[in-house]
Amino acid sequence: MMAGRIDAFYGKSPNVKEFAPEGILDELRRLNYDTANATSAPTMAALTKLVPASQITYGTDYPYFGLGQFKDLKEAGLSAAELESIGSGNATRLIPRLRS
């Protein structure tokens, strides 16, 4: 949801090519994102327009927010495969030692 604002500010920097050779949005598209307390349908819609589900992990922001936020993801219109990736698949791919 902040990508446009970040691009509007830093994208006009005279030395933007030094830290973002292909532009700010391209740099943002290279990152992985965590859903810590950001699982609402509008937030997820904005995020999935920027990156695919393969770059999103489920974060609970525990102890501040409970584990029930995954319910919000289920109501955000994501496919079963996307939910599996976000729920645990992407984290275990990024950090293989999490596999049990």
N, C-alpha and C. Protein backbone atom coordinates (compact mmCIF):
# COMPACT_ATOMS: atom_id res chain seq x y z
N MET A 1 0.82 -1.19 0.00
CA MET A 1 0.00 0.00 0.00
C MET A 1 0.86 1.25 0.00
N MET A 2 2.11 1.12 0.38
CA MET A 2 3.00 2.27 0.44
C MET A 2 3.91 2.39 -0.79
N ALA A 3 3.88 1.41 -1.67
CA ALA A 3 4.81 1.38 -2.81
C ALA A 3 4.75 2.67 -3.63
N GLY A 4 3.56 3.13 -3.92
CA GLY A 4 3.42 4.35 -4.73
C GLY A 4 4.02 5.57 -4.04
N ARG A 5 3.82 5.65 -2.74
CA ARG A 5 4.38 6.80 -2.00
C ARG A 5 5.90 6.74 -1.95
N ILE A 6 6.42 5.54 -1.74
CA ILE A 6 7.88 5.37 -1.71
C ILE A 6 8.46 5.73 -3.08
N ASP A 7 7.82 5.25 -4.14
CA ASP A 7 8.29 5.55 -5.49
C ASP A 7 8.19 7.05 -5.78
N ALA A 8 7.09 7.67 -5.37
CA ALA A 8 6.91 9.11 -5.62
C ALA A 8 7.99 9.93 -4.94
N PHE A 9 8.41 9.52 -3.77
CA PHE A 9 9.42 10.27 -3.03
C PHE A 9 10.83 9.95 -3.53
N TYR A 10 11.22 8.68 -3.45
CA TYR A 10 12.59 8.30 -3.80
C TYR A 10 12.82 8.18 -5.31
N GLY A 11 11.76 7.93 -6.07
CA GLY A 11 11.91 7.81 -7.52
C GLY A 11 12.34 9.09 -8.20
N LYS A 12 12.16 10.20 -7.53
CA LYS A 12 12.55 11.50 -8.09
C LYS A 12 13.93 11.94 -7.61
N SER A 13 14.56 11.12 -6.83
CA SER A 13 15.90 11.44 -6.33
C SER A 13 16.88 11.52 -7.50
N PRO A 14 17.75 12.52 -7.51
CA PRO A 14 18.68 12.65 -8.63
C PRO A 14 19.65 11.47 -8.75
N ASN A 15 19.87 10.75 -7.66
CA ASN A 15 20.79 9.62 -7.72
C ASN A 15 20.07 8.27 -7.60
N VAL A 16 18.81 8.23 -8.03
CA VAL A 16 18.01 7.01 -7.89
C VAL A 16 18.67 5.81 -8.57
N LYS A 17 19.36 6.01 -9.66
CA LYS A 17 20.01 4.90 -10.38
C LYS A 17 21.13 4.27 -9.56
N GLU A 18 21.67 5.01 -8.59
CA GLU A 18 22.73 4.46 -7.74
C GLU A 18 22.20 3.39 -6.79
N PHE A 19 20.98 3.57 -6.28
CA PHE A 19 20.44 2.61 -5.31
C PHE A 19 19.26 1.80 -5.85
N ALA A 20 18.73 2.21 -6.99
CA ALA A 20 17.63 1.47 -7.61
C ALA A 20 17.79 1.57 -9.13
N PRO A 21 18.72 0.82 -9.71
CA PRO A 21 19.04 0.96 -11.13
C PRO A 21 17.85 0.80 -12.07
N GLU A 22 16.90 -0.06 -11.72
CA GLU A 22 15.73 -0.29 -12.56
C GLU A 22 14.49 0.42 -12.03
N GLY A 23 14.66 1.26 -11.03
CA GLY A 23 13.54 2.00 -10.46
C GLY A 23 13.11 1.44 -9.11
N ILE A 24 12.41 2.25 -8.36
CA ILE A 24 11.98 1.91 -7.00
C ILE A 24 11.03 0.71 -7.01
N LEU A 25 10.04 0.74 -7.89
CA LEU A 25 9.07 -0.36 -7.90
C LEU A 25 9.73 -1.69 -8.23
N ASP A 26 10.72 -1.67 -9.11
CA ASP A 26 11.45 -2.91 -9.41
C ASP A 26 12.18 -3.43 -8.18
N GLU A 27 12.77 -2.53 -7.42
CA GLU A 27 13.44 -2.94 -6.18
C GLU A 27 12.43 -3.52 -5.19
N LEU A 28 11.27 -2.90 -5.07
CA LEU A 28 10.24 -3.39 -4.16
C LEU A 28 9.72 -4.76 -4.60
N ARG A 29 9.70 -5.00 -5.89
CA ARG A 29 9.23 -6.29 -6.41
C ARG A 29 10.22 -7.42 -6.16
N ARG A 30 11.43 -7.10 -5.80
CA ARG A 30 12.45 -8.13 -5.53
C ARG A 30 12.37 -8.65 -4.09
N LEU A 31 11.66 -7.95 -3.23
CA LEU A 31 11.62 -8.29 -1.81
C LEU A 31 10.58 -9.35 -1.47
N ASN A 32 10.75 -9.93 -0.29
CA ASN A 32 9.74 -10.81 0.29
C ASN A 32 9.02 -9.99 1.35
N TYR A 33 7.73 -10.28 1.54
CA TYR A 33 6.91 -9.51 2.46
C TYR A 33 6.25 -10.42 3.48
N ASP A 34 6.11 -9.92 4.70
CA ASP A 34 5.46 -10.63 5.79
C ASP A 34 4.12 -9.96 6.06
N THR A 35 3.13 -10.76 6.42
CA THR A 35 1.78 -10.22 6.62
C THR A 35 1.50 -9.76 8.04
N ALA A 36 2.50 -9.62 8.87
CA ALA A 36 2.30 -9.27 10.29
C ALA A 36 1.27 -8.16 10.44
N ASN A 37 0.09 -8.54 10.95
CA ASN A 37 -1.02 -7.62 11.20
C ASN A 37 -1.44 -6.85 9.95
N ALA A 38 -1.29 -7.45 8.79
CA ALA A 38 -1.71 -6.81 7.55
C ALA A 38 -2.37 -7.85 6.65
N THR A 39 -3.39 -8.50 7.18
CA THR A 39 -4.02 -9.60 6.45
C THR A 39 -5.38 -9.27 5.87
N SER A 40 -5.80 -8.02 5.94
CA SER A 40 -7.12 -7.66 5.42
C SER A 40 -7.14 -7.80 3.90
N ALA A 41 -8.34 -7.98 3.36
CA ALA A 41 -8.49 -8.14 1.91
C ALA A 41 -7.92 -6.96 1.12
N PRO A 42 -8.18 -5.70 1.51
CA PRO A 42 -7.60 -4.58 0.74
C PRO A 42 -6.07 -4.57 0.77
N THR A 43 -5.50 -4.87 1.91
CA THR A 43 -4.05 -4.88 2.03
C THR A 43 -3.45 -5.98 1.17
N MET A 44 -4.04 -7.17 1.22
CA MET A 44 -3.54 -8.28 0.43
C MET A 44 -3.73 -8.03 -1.06
N ALA A 45 -4.82 -7.37 -1.44
CA ALA A 45 -5.03 -7.04 -2.85
C ALA A 45 -3.92 -6.11 -3.35
N ALA A 46 -3.56 -5.13 -2.54
CA ALA A 46 -2.49 -4.21 -2.93
C ALA A 46 -1.16 -4.95 -3.03
N LEU A 47 -0.87 -5.80 -2.05
CA LEU A 47 0.40 -6.52 -2.04
C LEU A 47 0.50 -7.49 -3.20
N THR A 48 -0.56 -8.21 -3.50
CA THR A 48 -0.50 -9.19 -4.59
C THR A 48 -0.52 -8.54 -5.97
N LYS A 49 -0.78 -7.24 -6.03
CA LYS A 49 -0.59 -6.52 -7.29
C LYS A 49 0.88 -6.16 -7.48
N LEU A 50 1.62 -6.12 -6.39
CA LEU A 50 3.05 -5.80 -6.46
C LEU A 50 3.90 -7.04 -6.63
N VAL A 51 3.61 -8.09 -5.85
CA VAL A 51 4.41 -9.32 -5.89
C VAL A 51 3.49 -10.54 -5.91
N PRO A 52 4.00 -11.67 -6.41
CA PRO A 52 3.20 -12.90 -6.36
C PRO A 52 3.18 -13.48 -4.95
N ALA A 53 2.26 -14.39 -4.70
CA ALA A 53 2.14 -15.04 -3.39
C ALA A 53 3.42 -15.74 -2.97
N SER A 54 4.26 -16.10 -3.92
CA SER A 54 5.53 -16.78 -3.61
C SER A 54 6.51 -15.88 -2.86
N GLN A 55 6.20 -14.59 -2.74
CA GLN A 55 7.06 -13.65 -2.03
C GLN A 55 6.40 -13.11 -0.76
N ILE A 56 5.38 -13.81 -0.29
CA ILE A 56 4.65 -13.38 0.90
C ILE A 56 4.68 -14.49 1.93
N THR A 57 4.97 -14.13 3.18
CA THR A 57 4.92 -15.10 4.28
C THR A 57 3.90 -14.63 5.31
N TYR A 58 3.37 -15.60 6.04
CA TYR A 58 2.38 -15.29 7.07
C TYR A 58 3.10 -14.92 8.35
N GLY A 59 2.78 -13.76 8.89
CA GLY A 59 3.34 -13.32 10.16
C GLY A 59 2.21 -13.01 11.12
N THR A 60 2.36 -13.40 12.35
CA THR A 60 1.30 -13.18 13.32
C THR A 60 1.51 -11.92 14.14
N ASP A 61 2.73 -11.41 14.17
CA ASP A 61 3.08 -10.28 15.02
C ASP A 61 2.77 -10.61 16.48
N TYR A 62 2.85 -11.89 16.78
CA TYR A 62 2.58 -12.39 18.13
C TYR A 62 3.60 -11.79 19.09
N PRO A 63 3.28 -11.39 20.28
CA PRO A 63 2.07 -11.60 21.05
C PRO A 63 1.05 -10.48 20.90
N TYR A 64 1.32 -9.51 20.06
CA TYR A 64 0.42 -8.37 19.95
C TYR A 64 -0.89 -8.72 19.26
N PHE A 65 -0.82 -9.65 18.33
CA PHE A 65 -2.01 -10.12 17.62
C PHE A 65 -1.98 -11.64 17.63
N GLY A 66 -3.13 -12.24 17.78
CA GLY A 66 -3.22 -13.68 17.87
C GLY A 66 -3.02 -14.39 16.55
N LEU A 67 -3.12 -15.69 16.60
CA LEU A 67 -2.90 -16.52 15.43
C LEU A 67 -4.10 -16.53 14.48
N GLY A 68 -5.19 -15.91 14.85
CA GLY A 68 -6.40 -15.93 14.05
C GLY A 68 -6.37 -15.11 12.77
N GLN A 69 -5.31 -14.41 12.51
CA GLN A 69 -5.25 -13.57 11.31
C GLN A 69 -5.25 -14.38 10.02
N PHE A 70 -4.91 -15.66 10.10
CA PHE A 70 -4.91 -16.47 8.88
C PHE A 70 -6.33 -16.59 8.32
N LYS A 71 -7.33 -16.48 9.18
CA LYS A 71 -8.73 -16.49 8.75
C LYS A 71 -8.97 -15.34 7.78
N ASP A 72 -8.38 -14.18 8.05
CA ASP A 72 -8.53 -13.03 7.16
C ASP A 72 -7.96 -13.33 5.77
N LEU A 73 -6.83 -14.05 5.74
CA LEU A 73 -6.24 -14.41 4.45
C LEU A 73 -7.17 -15.31 3.67
N LYS A 74 -7.82 -16.22 4.36
CA LYS A 74 -8.76 -17.13 3.69
C LYS A 74 -9.92 -16.37 3.07
N GLU A 75 -10.26 -15.23 3.63
CA GLU A 75 -11.36 -14.42 3.12
C GLU A 75 -10.90 -13.36 2.11
N ALA A 76 -9.62 -13.36 1.78
CA ALA A 76 -9.07 -12.34 0.88
C ALA A 76 -9.10 -12.77 -0.58
N GLY A 77 -9.68 -13.93 -0.86
CA GLY A 77 -9.80 -14.36 -2.25
C GLY A 77 -8.58 -15.05 -2.82
N LEU A 78 -7.68 -15.51 -1.95
CA LEU A 78 -6.49 -16.21 -2.41
C LEU A 78 -6.82 -17.67 -2.68
N SER A 79 -6.11 -18.28 -3.61
CA SER A 79 -6.34 -19.68 -3.92
C SER A 79 -5.76 -20.56 -2.82
N ALA A 80 -6.13 -21.83 -2.81
CA ALA A 80 -5.61 -22.78 -1.82
C ALA A 80 -4.09 -22.89 -1.93
N ALA A 81 -3.57 -22.89 -3.14
CA ALA A 81 -2.12 -22.97 -3.34
C ALA A 81 -1.42 -21.72 -2.80
N GLU A 82 -2.02 -20.55 -3.02
CA GLU A 82 -1.44 -19.31 -2.51
C GLU A 82 -1.47 -19.31 -0.98
N LEU A 83 -2.57 -19.76 -0.39
CA LEU A 83 -2.67 -19.82 1.07
C LEU A 83 -1.62 -20.76 1.65
N GLU A 84 -1.39 -21.90 1.00
CA GLU A 84 -0.38 -22.84 1.48
C GLU A 84 1.01 -22.21 1.40
N SER A 85 1.28 -21.54 0.31
CA SER A 85 2.58 -20.87 0.15
C SER A 85 2.79 -19.81 1.21
N ILE A 86 1.78 -18.96 1.39
CA ILE A 86 1.88 -17.88 2.37
C ILE A 86 1.93 -18.44 3.79
N GLY A 87 1.11 -19.46 4.06
CA GLY A 87 1.03 -20.02 5.40
C GLY A 87 2.30 -20.68 5.89
N SER A 88 2.98 -21.43 5.03
CA SER A 88 4.21 -22.09 5.49
C SER A 88 5.19 -22.39 4.37
N GLY A 89 4.68 -22.61 3.17
CA GLY A 89 5.55 -23.02 2.06
C GLY A 89 6.69 -22.06 1.76
N ASN A 90 6.39 -20.78 1.72
CA ASN A 90 7.43 -19.79 1.40
C ASN A 90 8.47 -19.69 2.51
N ALA A 91 8.02 -19.76 3.74
CA ALA A 91 8.97 -19.67 4.88
C ALA A 91 9.92 -20.86 4.86
N THR A 92 9.40 -22.06 4.61
CA THR A 92 10.28 -23.23 4.60
C THR A 92 11.19 -23.23 3.37
N ARG A 93 10.75 -22.62 2.30
CA ARG A 93 11.62 -22.49 1.13
C ARG A 93 12.75 -21.50 1.41
N LEU A 94 12.41 -20.39 2.07
CA LEU A 94 13.42 -19.37 2.39
C LEU A 94 14.35 -19.78 3.52
N ILE A 95 13.81 -20.55 4.47
CA ILE A 95 14.59 -20.99 5.64
C ILE A 95 14.39 -22.50 5.77
N PRO A 96 15.15 -23.28 5.00
CA PRO A 96 14.93 -24.72 4.96
C PRO A 96 14.98 -25.44 6.31
N ARG A 97 15.69 -24.91 7.28
CA ARG A 97 15.76 -25.59 8.57
C ARG A 97 14.44 -25.57 9.33
N LEU A 98 13.45 -24.80 8.83
CA LEU A 98 12.14 -24.79 9.46
C LEU A 98 11.34 -26.04 9.14
N ARG A 99 11.76 -26.77 8.10
CA ARG A 99 11.05 -28.01 7.75
C ARG A 99 11.18 -29.00 8.90
N SER A 100 10.10 -29.68 9.20
CA SER A 100 10.18 -30.68 10.26
C SER A 100 9.74 -32.04 9.78
